[in-house]
C-alpha atoms as a PDB file:
ATOM      1  CA  UNK A   1      -7.953 -56.353  27.599  1.00  0.00           C
ATOM      2  CA  UNK A   2      -9.578 -55.208  24.324  1.00  0.00           C
ATOM      3  CA  UNK A   3     -10.609 -51.989  26.108  1.00  0.00           C
ATOM      4  CA  UNK A   4      -6.985 -51.300  27.105  1.00  0.00           C
ATOM      5  CA  UNK A   5      -5.828 -51.825  23.522  1.00  0.00           C
ATOM      6  CA  UNK A   6      -8.578 -49.497  22.320  1.00  0.00           C
ATOM      7  CA  UNK A   7      -7.535 -46.789  24.798  1.00  0.00           C
ATOM      8  CA  UNK A   8      -3.877 -47.139  23.799  1.00  0.00           C
ATOM      9  CA  UNK A   9      -4.795 -46.855  20.139  1.00  0.00           C
ATOM     10  CA  UNK A  10      -6.771 -43.691  20.829  1.00  0.00           C
ATOM     11  CA  UNK A  11      -3.864 -42.186  22.783  1.00  0.00           C
ATOM     12  CA  UNK A  12      -1.493 -43.042  19.941  1.00  0.00           C
ATOM     13  CA  UNK A  13      -3.832 -41.369  17.433  1.00  0.00           C
ATOM     14  CA  UNK A  14      -4.123 -38.278  19.652  1.00  0.00           C
ATOM     15  CA  UNK A  15      -0.337 -37.983  19.945  1.00  0.00           C
ATOM     16  CA  UNK A  16       0.001 -38.325  16.170  1.00  0.00           C
ATOM     17  CA  UNK A  17      -2.525 -35.528  15.601  1.00  0.00           C
ATOM     18  CA  UNK A  18      -0.789 -33.262  18.120  1.00  0.00           C
ATOM     19  CA  UNK A  19       2.627 -33.957  16.587  1.00  0.00           C
ATOM     20  CA  UNK A  20       1.315 -33.260  13.076  1.00  0.00           C
ATOM     21  CA  UNK A  21      -0.236 -29.979  14.190  1.00  0.00           C
ATOM     22  CA  UNK A  22       3.006 -28.904  15.868  1.00  0.00           C
ATOM     23  CA  UNK A  23       5.002 -29.791  12.770  1.00  0.00           C
ATOM     24  CA  UNK A  24       2.640 -27.838  10.534  1.00  0.00           C
ATOM     25  CA  UNK A  25       2.917 -24.804  12.796  1.00  0.00           C
ATOM     26  CA  UNK A  26       6.722 -25.006  12.603  1.00  0.00           C
ATOM     27  CA  UNK A  27       6.629 -25.099   8.822  1.00  0.00           C
ATOM     28  CA  UNK A  28       4.155 -22.268   8.404  1.00  0.00           C
ATOM     29  CA  UNK A  29       6.098 -20.172  10.920  1.00  0.00           C
ATOM     30  CA  UNK A  30       3.341 -17.860  12.142  1.00  0.00           C
ATOM     31  CA  UNK A  31       0.364 -19.414  10.479  1.00  0.00           C
ATOM     32  CA  UNK A  32      -0.684 -16.485   8.297  1.00  0.00           C
ATOM     33  CA  UNK A  33      -2.796 -18.070   5.560  1.00  0.00           C
ATOM     34  CA  UNK A  34      -2.127 -17.210   1.940  1.00  0.00           C
ATOM     35  CA  UNK A  35      -3.280 -18.468  -1.426  1.00  0.00           C
ATOM     36  CA  UNK A  36      -0.177 -18.505  -3.597  1.00  0.00           C
ATOM     37  CA  UNK A  37       3.367 -17.175  -4.052  1.00  0.00           C
ATOM     38  CA  UNK A  38       4.463 -14.451  -6.398  1.00  0.00           C
ATOM     39  CA  UNK A  39       8.012 -14.873  -7.640  1.00  0.00           C
ATOM     40  CA  UNK A  40       8.961 -11.415  -8.890  1.00  0.00           C
ATOM     41  CA  UNK A  41      11.850 -10.664 -11.246  1.00  0.00           C
ATOM     42  CA  UNK A  42      12.945  -7.154 -12.143  1.00  0.00           C
ATOM     43  CA  UNK A  43      14.746  -5.648 -15.122  1.00  0.00           C
ATOM     44  CA  UNK A  44      17.542  -3.558 -13.538  1.00  0.00           C
ATOM     45  CA  UNK A  45      17.584  -0.954 -16.293  1.00  0.00           C
ATOM     46  CA  UNK A  46      14.039   0.093 -15.474  1.00  0.00           C
ATOM     47  CA  UNK A  47      14.527  -0.312 -11.729  1.00  0.00           C
ATOM     48  CA  UNK A  48      17.386   2.170 -11.915  1.00  0.00           C
ATOM     49  CA  UNK A  49      15.115   4.684 -13.623  1.00  0.00           C
ATOM     50  CA  UNK A  50      12.662   4.340 -10.740  1.00  0.00           C
ATOM     51  CA  UNK A  51      15.237   4.439  -7.938  1.00  0.00           C
ATOM     52  CA  UNK A  52      18.803   5.502  -7.142  1.00  0.00           C
ATOM     53  CA  UNK A  53      20.929   2.437  -7.815  1.00  0.00           C
ATOM     54  CA  UNK A  54      24.357   1.455  -6.589  1.00  0.00           C
ATOM     55  CA  UNK A  55      26.953   2.886  -9.031  1.00  0.00           C
ATOM     56  CA  UNK A  56      28.273   0.312 -11.460  1.00  0.00           C
ATOM     57  CA  UNK A  57      25.584  -2.258 -10.685  1.00  0.00           C
ATOM     58  CA  UNK A  58      25.262  -5.003 -13.308  1.00  0.00           C
ATOM     59  CA  UNK A  59      22.126  -4.392 -15.391  1.00  0.00           C
ATOM     60  CA  UNK A  60      22.245  -7.046 -18.098  1.00  0.00           C
ATOM     61  CA  UNK A  61      20.158  -9.795 -16.437  1.00  0.00           C
ATOM     62  CA  UNK A  62      16.809  -9.982 -14.704  1.00  0.00           C
ATOM     63  CA  UNK A  63      17.275 -10.349 -10.947  1.00  0.00           C
ATOM     64  CA  UNK A  64      14.989 -11.453  -8.151  1.00  0.00           C
ATOM     65  CA  UNK A  65      12.906  -8.785  -6.474  1.00  0.00           C
ATOM     66  CA  UNK A  66      11.143 -11.104  -4.083  1.00  0.00           C
ATOM     67  CA  UNK A  67       9.174 -14.238  -3.273  1.00  0.00           C
ATOM     68  CA  UNK A  68       5.921 -13.020  -1.772  1.00  0.00           C
ATOM     69  CA  UNK A  69       3.090 -14.906  -0.069  1.00  0.00           C
ATOM     70  CA  UNK A  70      -0.088 -13.449  -1.530  1.00  0.00           C
ATOM     71  CA  UNK A  71      -3.809 -13.632  -1.008  1.00  0.00           C
ATOM     72  CA  UNK A  72      -6.233 -13.098  -3.851  1.00  0.00           C
ATOM     73  CA  UNK A  73      -6.814  -9.570  -2.602  1.00  0.00           C
ATOM     74  CA  UNK A  74      -3.324  -8.434  -1.545  1.00  0.00           C
ATOM     75  CA  UNK A  75       0.339  -9.236  -0.965  1.00  0.00           C
ATOM     76  CA  UNK A  76       0.904 -10.131   2.679  1.00  0.00           C
ATOM     77  CA  UNK A  77       3.082  -8.105   5.007  1.00  0.00           C
ATOM     78  CA  UNK A  78       4.172 -10.496   7.736  1.00  0.00           C
ATOM     79  CA  UNK A  79       3.538  -9.580  11.361  1.00  0.00           C
ATOM     80  CA  UNK A  80       6.109 -12.034  12.669  1.00  0.00           C
ATOM     81  CA  UNK A  81       8.519 -11.259  15.479  1.00  0.00           C
ATOM     82  CA  UNK A  82      11.122 -13.516  13.849  1.00  0.00           C
ATOM     83  CA  UNK A  83      14.312 -11.782  12.809  1.00  0.00           C
ATOM     84  CA  UNK A  84      16.760 -12.441  10.008  1.00  0.00           C
ATOM     85  CA  UNK A  85      19.992 -14.132  11.067  1.00  0.00           C
ATOM     86  CA  UNK A  86      23.002 -12.982   9.052  1.00  0.00           C
ATOM     87  CA  UNK A  87      25.113 -15.548  10.913  1.00  0.00           C
ATOM     88  CA  UNK A  88      22.894 -18.402   9.747  1.00  0.00           C
ATOM     89  CA  UNK A  89      23.177 -17.239   6.162  1.00  0.00           C
ATOM     90  CA  UNK A  90      26.920 -16.589   6.290  1.00  0.00           C
ATOM     91  CA  UNK A  91      27.416 -20.180   7.448  1.00  0.00           C
ATOM     92  CA  UNK A  92      26.243 -21.253   3.976  1.00  0.00           C
ATOM     93  CA  UNK A  93      28.825 -19.688   1.647  1.00  0.00           C
ATOM     94  CA  UNK A  94      27.382 -21.425  -1.417  1.00  0.00           C
ATOM     95  CA  UNK A  95      23.954 -19.922  -0.813  1.00  0.00           C
ATOM     96  CA  UNK A  96      25.429 -16.455  -0.266  1.00  0.00           C
ATOM     97  CA  UNK A  97      27.238 -16.715  -3.596  1.00  0.00           C
ATOM     98  CA  UNK A  98      24.039 -17.741  -5.398  1.00  0.00           C
ATOM     99  CA  UNK A  99      22.090 -14.910  -3.797  1.00  0.00           C
ATOM    100  CA  UNK A 100      24.648 -12.297  -4.818  1.00  0.00           C
ATOM    101  CA  UNK A 101      24.136 -13.391  -8.435  1.00  0.00           C
ATOM    102  CA  UNK A 102      20.385 -13.932  -8.479  1.00  0.00           C
ATOM    103  CA  UNK A 103      19.071 -11.589  -5.772  1.00  0.00           C
ATOM    104  CA  UNK A 104      21.411  -8.594  -5.403  1.00  0.00           C
ATOM    105  CA  UNK A 105      20.293  -5.341  -3.882  1.00  0.00           C
ATOM    106  CA  UNK A 106      20.182  -2.702  -6.617  1.00  0.00           C
ATOM    107  CA  UNK A 107      19.186   0.360  -4.623  1.00  0.00           C
ATOM    108  CA  UNK A 108      21.654   2.602  -2.837  1.00  0.00           C
ATOM    109  CA  UNK A 109      19.671   2.832   0.392  1.00  0.00           C
ATOM    110  CA  UNK A 110      22.017   1.617   3.101  1.00  0.00           C
ATOM    111  CA  UNK A 111      24.682   3.641   4.875  1.00  0.00           C
ATOM    112  CA  UNK A 112      28.149   3.258   3.390  1.00  0.00           C
ATOM    113  CA  UNK A 113      30.123   0.430   4.933  1.00  0.00           C
ATOM    114  CA  UNK A 114      27.129  -1.841   5.501  1.00  0.00           C
ATOM    115  CA  UNK A 115      26.356  -4.907   3.422  1.00  0.00           C
ATOM    116  CA  UNK A 116      23.682  -3.743   0.984  1.00  0.00           C
ATOM    117  CA  UNK A 117      22.798  -7.287  -0.086  1.00  0.00           C
ATOM    118  CA  UNK A 118      22.465  -8.605   3.470  1.00  0.00           C
ATOM    119  CA  UNK A 119      20.217  -5.646   4.325  1.00  0.00           C
ATOM    120  CA  UNK A 120      17.989  -6.415   1.334  1.00  0.00           C
ATOM    121  CA  UNK A 121      17.679 -10.122   2.114  1.00  0.00           C
ATOM    122  CA  UNK A 122      16.890  -9.344   5.754  1.00  0.00           C
ATOM    123  CA  UNK A 123      14.162  -6.896   4.744  1.00  0.00           C
ATOM    124  CA  UNK A 124      12.603  -9.324   2.254  1.00  0.00           C
ATOM    125  CA  UNK A 125      12.716 -12.241   4.692  1.00  0.00           C
ATOM    126  CA  UNK A 126      11.220 -10.347   7.609  1.00  0.00           C
ATOM    127  CA  UNK A 127       8.525  -8.710   5.469  1.00  0.00           C
ATOM    128  CA  UNK A 128       7.592 -11.722   3.320  1.00  0.00           C
ATOM    129  CA  UNK A 129       9.554 -14.856   4.198  1.00  0.00           C
ATOM    130  CA  UNK A 130       8.509 -15.208   7.816  1.00  0.00           C
ATOM    131  CA  UNK A 131       4.926 -16.013   6.850  1.00  0.00           C
ATOM    132  CA  UNK A 132       5.841 -18.358   3.990  1.00  0.00           C
ATOM    133  CA  UNK A 133       5.649 -22.141   4.272  1.00  0.00           C
ATOM    134  CA  UNK A 134       9.354 -22.905   4.419  1.00  0.00           C
ATOM    135  CA  UNK A 135      11.134 -24.647   7.256  1.00  0.00           C
ATOM    136  CA  UNK A 136      13.840 -22.016   7.722  1.00  0.00           C
ATOM    137  CA  UNK A 137      15.207 -18.689   6.586  1.00  0.00           C
ATOM    138  CA  UNK A 138      17.859 -20.317   4.392  1.00  0.00           C
ATOM    139  CA  UNK A 139      15.317 -22.664   2.826  1.00  0.00           C
ATOM    140  CA  UNK A 140      13.204 -19.685   1.801  1.00  0.00           C
ATOM    141  CA  UNK A 141      16.204 -17.883   0.291  1.00  0.00           C
ATOM    142  CA  UNK A 142      17.420 -21.035  -1.419  1.00  0.00           C
ATOM    143  CA  UNK A 143      14.020 -21.586  -3.034  1.00  0.00           C
ATOM    144  CA  UNK A 144      14.204 -18.104  -4.553  1.00  0.00           C
ATOM    145  CA  UNK A 145      17.612 -19.013  -6.024  1.00  0.00           C
ATOM    146  CA  UNK A 146      16.152 -22.200  -7.511  1.00  0.00           C
ATOM    147  CA  UNK A 147      13.295 -20.256  -9.081  1.00  0.00           C
ATOM    148  CA  UNK A 148      15.737 -17.796 -10.624  1.00  0.00           C
ATOM    149  CA  UNK A 149      17.635 -20.697 -12.213  1.00  0.00           C
ATOM    150  CA  UNK A 150      14.347 -22.071 -13.586  1.00  0.00           C
ATOM    151  CA  UNK A 151      13.175 -18.759 -15.001  1.00  0.00           C
ATOM    152  CA  UNK A 152      15.923 -17.018 -16.966  1.00  0.00           C
ATOM    153  CA  UNK A 153      13.672 -14.384 -18.511  1.00  0.00           C
ATOM    154  CA  UNK A 154      16.350 -12.799 -20.676  1.00  0.00           C
ATOM    155  CA  UNK A 155      17.184 -16.206 -22.165  1.00  0.00           C
ATOM    156  CA  UNK A 156      13.501 -16.956 -22.693  1.00  0.00           C
ATOM    157  CA  UNK A 157      13.067 -13.699 -24.542  1.00  0.00           C
ATOM    158  CA  UNK A 158      16.207 -14.282 -26.630  1.00  0.00           C
ATOM    159  CA  UNK A 159      14.950 -17.727 -27.630  1.00  0.00           C
ATOM    160  CA  UNK A 160      11.922 -15.973 -29.120  1.00  0.00           C
ATOM    161  CA  UNK A 161      14.077 -13.308 -30.800  1.00  0.00           C
ATOM    162  CA  UNK A 162      13.161 -10.679 -28.223  1.00  0.00           C
ATOM    163  CA  UNK A 163      16.212  -8.635 -27.325  1.00  0.00           C
ATOM    164  CA  UNK A 164      16.646  -5.239 -25.660  1.00  0.00           C
ATOM    165  CA  UNK A 165      16.137  -2.544 -28.297  1.00  0.00           C
ATOM    166  CA  UNK A 166      15.026   1.066 -28.759  1.00  0.00           C
ATOM    167  CA  UNK A 167      11.626   0.087 -30.124  1.00  0.00           C
ATOM    168  CA  UNK A 168       8.534  -1.397 -28.517  1.00  0.00           C
ATOM    169  CA  UNK A 169       7.281  -4.943 -28.399  1.00  0.00           C
ATOM    170  CA  UNK A 170       3.639  -5.920 -28.203  1.00  0.00           C
ATOM    171  CA  UNK A 171       2.660  -7.050 -24.721  1.00  0.00           C
ATOM    172  CA  UNK A 172       1.221 -10.320 -26.057  1.00  0.00           C
ATOM    173  CA  UNK A 173       4.567 -11.160 -27.679  1.00  0.00           C
ATOM    174  CA  UNK A 174       6.398 -10.845 -24.354  1.00  0.00           C
ATOM    175  CA  UNK A 175       3.686 -12.687 -22.453  1.00  0.00           C
ATOM    176  CA  UNK A 176       3.409 -15.526 -24.973  1.00  0.00           C
ATOM    177  CA  UNK A 177       7.170 -16.104 -24.994  1.00  0.00           C
ATOM    178  CA  UNK A 178       7.193 -16.619 -21.234  1.00  0.00           C
ATOM    179  CA  UNK A 179       4.017 -18.687 -21.305  1.00  0.00           C
ATOM    180  CA  UNK A 180       5.372 -21.031 -23.969  1.00  0.00           C
ATOM    181  CA  UNK A 181       8.508 -21.770 -21.935  1.00  0.00           C
ATOM    182  CA  UNK A 182       6.985 -21.928 -18.452  1.00  0.00           C
ATOM    183  CA  UNK A 183       3.544 -23.337 -19.340  1.00  0.00           C
ATOM    184  CA  UNK A 184       1.940 -20.665 -17.168  1.00  0.00           C
ATOM    185  CA  UNK A 185       0.769 -17.117 -17.721  1.00  0.00           C
ATOM    186  CA  UNK A 186       2.935 -14.348 -16.211  1.00  0.00           C
ATOM    187  CA  UNK A 187       2.080 -10.838 -15.127  1.00  0.00           C
ATOM    188  CA  UNK A 188       3.990  -7.888 -16.618  1.00  0.00           C
ATOM    189  CA  UNK A 189       4.476  -4.615 -14.753  1.00  0.00           C
ATOM    190  CA  UNK A 190       5.826  -1.418 -16.271  1.00  0.00           C
ATOM    191  CA  UNK A 191       7.153   2.005 -15.322  1.00  0.00           C
ATOM    192  CA  UNK A 192       5.912   4.890 -17.447  1.00  0.00           C
ATOM    193  CA  UNK A 193       8.432   7.501 -18.577  1.00  0.00           C
ATOM    194  CA  UNK A 194       7.626  10.284 -21.049  1.00  0.00           C
ATOM    195  CA  UNK A 195       4.503   8.451 -22.166  1.00  0.00           C
ATOM    196  CA  UNK A 196       6.247   5.129 -22.825  1.00  0.00           C
ATOM    197  CA  UNK A 197       5.951   1.907 -20.811  1.00  0.00           C
ATOM    198  CA  UNK A 198       9.291   0.430 -19.736  1.00  0.00           C
ATOM    199  CA  UNK A 199       9.192  -3.246 -18.759  1.00  0.00           C
ATOM    200  CA  UNK A 200      10.009  -3.349 -15.069  1.00  0.00           C
ATOM    201  CA  UNK A 201       8.852  -6.627 -13.508  1.00  0.00           C
ATOM    202  CA  UNK A 202       7.862 -10.116 -14.585  1.00  0.00           C
ATOM    203  CA  UNK A 203       5.716 -11.923 -12.025  1.00  0.00           C
ATOM    204  CA  UNK A 204       5.444 -15.714 -12.032  1.00  0.00           C
ATOM    205  CA  UNK A 205       2.902 -17.426  -9.815  1.00  0.00           C
ATOM    206  CA  UNK A 206       3.275 -20.660  -7.829  1.00  0.00           C
ATOM    207  CA  UNK A 207       1.303 -22.600  -5.277  1.00  0.00           C
ATOM    208  CA  UNK A 208       1.882 -21.884  -1.585  1.00  0.00           C
ATOM    209  CA  UNK A 209       5.073 -23.971  -1.415  1.00  0.00           C
ATOM    210  CA  UNK A 210       6.474 -22.973  -4.838  1.00  0.00           C
ATOM    211  CA  UNK A 211       6.286 -26.527  -6.172  1.00  0.00           C
ATOM    212  CA  UNK A 212       3.613 -26.037  -8.813  1.00  0.00           C
ATOM    213  CA  UNK A 213       3.245 -23.213 -11.327  1.00  0.00           C
ATOM    214  CA  UNK A 214      -0.001 -21.299 -11.524  1.00  0.00           C
ATOM    215  CA  UNK A 215      -1.456 -18.853 -14.011  1.00  0.00           C
ATOM    216  CA  UNK A 216      -1.109 -15.318 -12.694  1.00  0.00           C
ATOM    217  CA  UNK A 217      -4.160 -14.438 -14.787  1.00  0.00           C
ATOM    218  CA  UNK A 218      -6.228 -16.577 -12.403  1.00  0.00           C
ATOM    219  CA  UNK A 219      -5.206 -14.382  -9.461  1.00  0.00           C
ATOM    220  CA  UNK A 220      -6.420 -10.897  -8.640  1.00  0.00           C
ATOM    221  CA  UNK A 221      -3.959  -9.381  -6.163  1.00  0.00           C
ATOM    222  CA  UNK A 222      -2.141  -7.443  -8.886  1.00  0.00           C
ATOM    223  CA  UNK A 223      -2.999  -6.461 -12.431  1.00  0.00           C
ATOM    224  CA  UNK A 224      -0.750  -5.328 -15.235  1.00  0.00           C
ATOM    225  CA  UNK A 225      -0.237  -1.593 -15.597  1.00  0.00           C
ATOM    226  CA  UNK A 226       1.428  -1.946 -19.019  1.00  0.00           C
ATOM    227  CA  UNK A 227      -0.061  -0.767 -22.260  1.00  0.00           C
ATOM    228  CA  UNK A 228      -0.030  -2.840 -25.417  1.00  0.00           C
ATOM    229  CA  UNK A 229       3.357  -1.411 -26.502  1.00  0.00           C
ATOM    230  CA  UNK A 230       6.255  -2.064 -24.136  1.00  0.00           C
ATOM    231  CA  UNK A 231       9.898  -1.042 -24.209  1.00  0.00           C
ATOM    232  CA  UNK A 232      12.372  -3.730 -23.199  1.00  0.00           C
ATOM    233  CA  UNK A 233      15.669  -1.940 -23.489  1.00  0.00           C
ATOM    234  CA  UNK A 234      19.040  -1.059 -22.061  1.00  0.00           C
ATOM    235  CA  UNK A 235      19.041   2.425 -20.568  1.00  0.00           C
ATOM    236  CA  UNK A 236      22.045   4.604 -19.866  1.00  0.00           C
ATOM    237  CA  UNK A 237      20.978   5.735 -16.435  1.00  0.00           C
ATOM    238  CA  UNK A 238      24.260   5.695 -14.555  1.00  0.00           C
ATOM    239  CA  UNK A 239      23.431   9.068 -13.060  1.00  0.00           C
ATOM    240  CA  UNK A 240      20.125   7.695 -11.728  1.00  0.00           C
ATOM    241  CA  UNK A 241      18.290  10.699 -13.079  1.00  0.00           C
ATOM    242  CA  UNK A 242      14.999  10.357 -14.926  1.00  0.00           C
ATOM    243  CA  UNK A 243      15.548  13.552 -16.844  1.00  0.00           C
ATOM    244  CA  UNK A 244      16.596  12.907 -20.400  1.00  0.00           C
ATOM    245  CA  UNK A 245      15.389   9.280 -20.405  1.00  0.00           C
ATOM    246  CA  UNK A 246      13.514   8.743 -23.624  1.00  0.00           C
ATOM    247  CA  UNK A 247      11.577   5.840 -25.026  1.00  0.00           C
ATOM    248  CA  UNK A 248      12.494   6.350 -28.654  1.00  0.00           C
END
């Protein structure tokens, strides 16, 4: 009898291990390993200098660019066969509303008549979200919305008396303001125009499930391309033309 009990216990343990492995595979989708997540916010004014934006797009708040699984050496591009489901997302009207505020598509890249936002979310999910450790497409998108709510960069800057203006700020001033409020070091990325660095992106780093903040300075996948003097400003670029844009 003790031998039977021992065999049953071993079978129970084996089933538990198999179930745990299957569950983990479901969560990690396609099992591509990565070290951390980059949550990337962009300043629309600079984005619309770099690219042709949708006419009349709101450019007064930082918006989400993406939530990207990243190794120490590079940002991952997922090789998953999973596809974005617009139906699944549309069934959650609250999430769609949050995404349109926090993660709108800025670029005019989709044929007229199509949903620019839905195209953008599909591209980001298929390229980055399918190899992230979230249980579903909507969970991944919802997490990005939560991170946007937690990281209102414009408000953080304003709290430290940093407002858009036609003069530069020192890079350490911008970085320290974010670090003081988030208790983690960010990464700043810029776009250079006429010899001046325009603040383009703020990168915040998290662990692989976006539950714990990390210092971006401890990672090596991306490095700042900003100089010590950075413009954080509103830009009249409604014509989406770099000519005539000045940093003075």
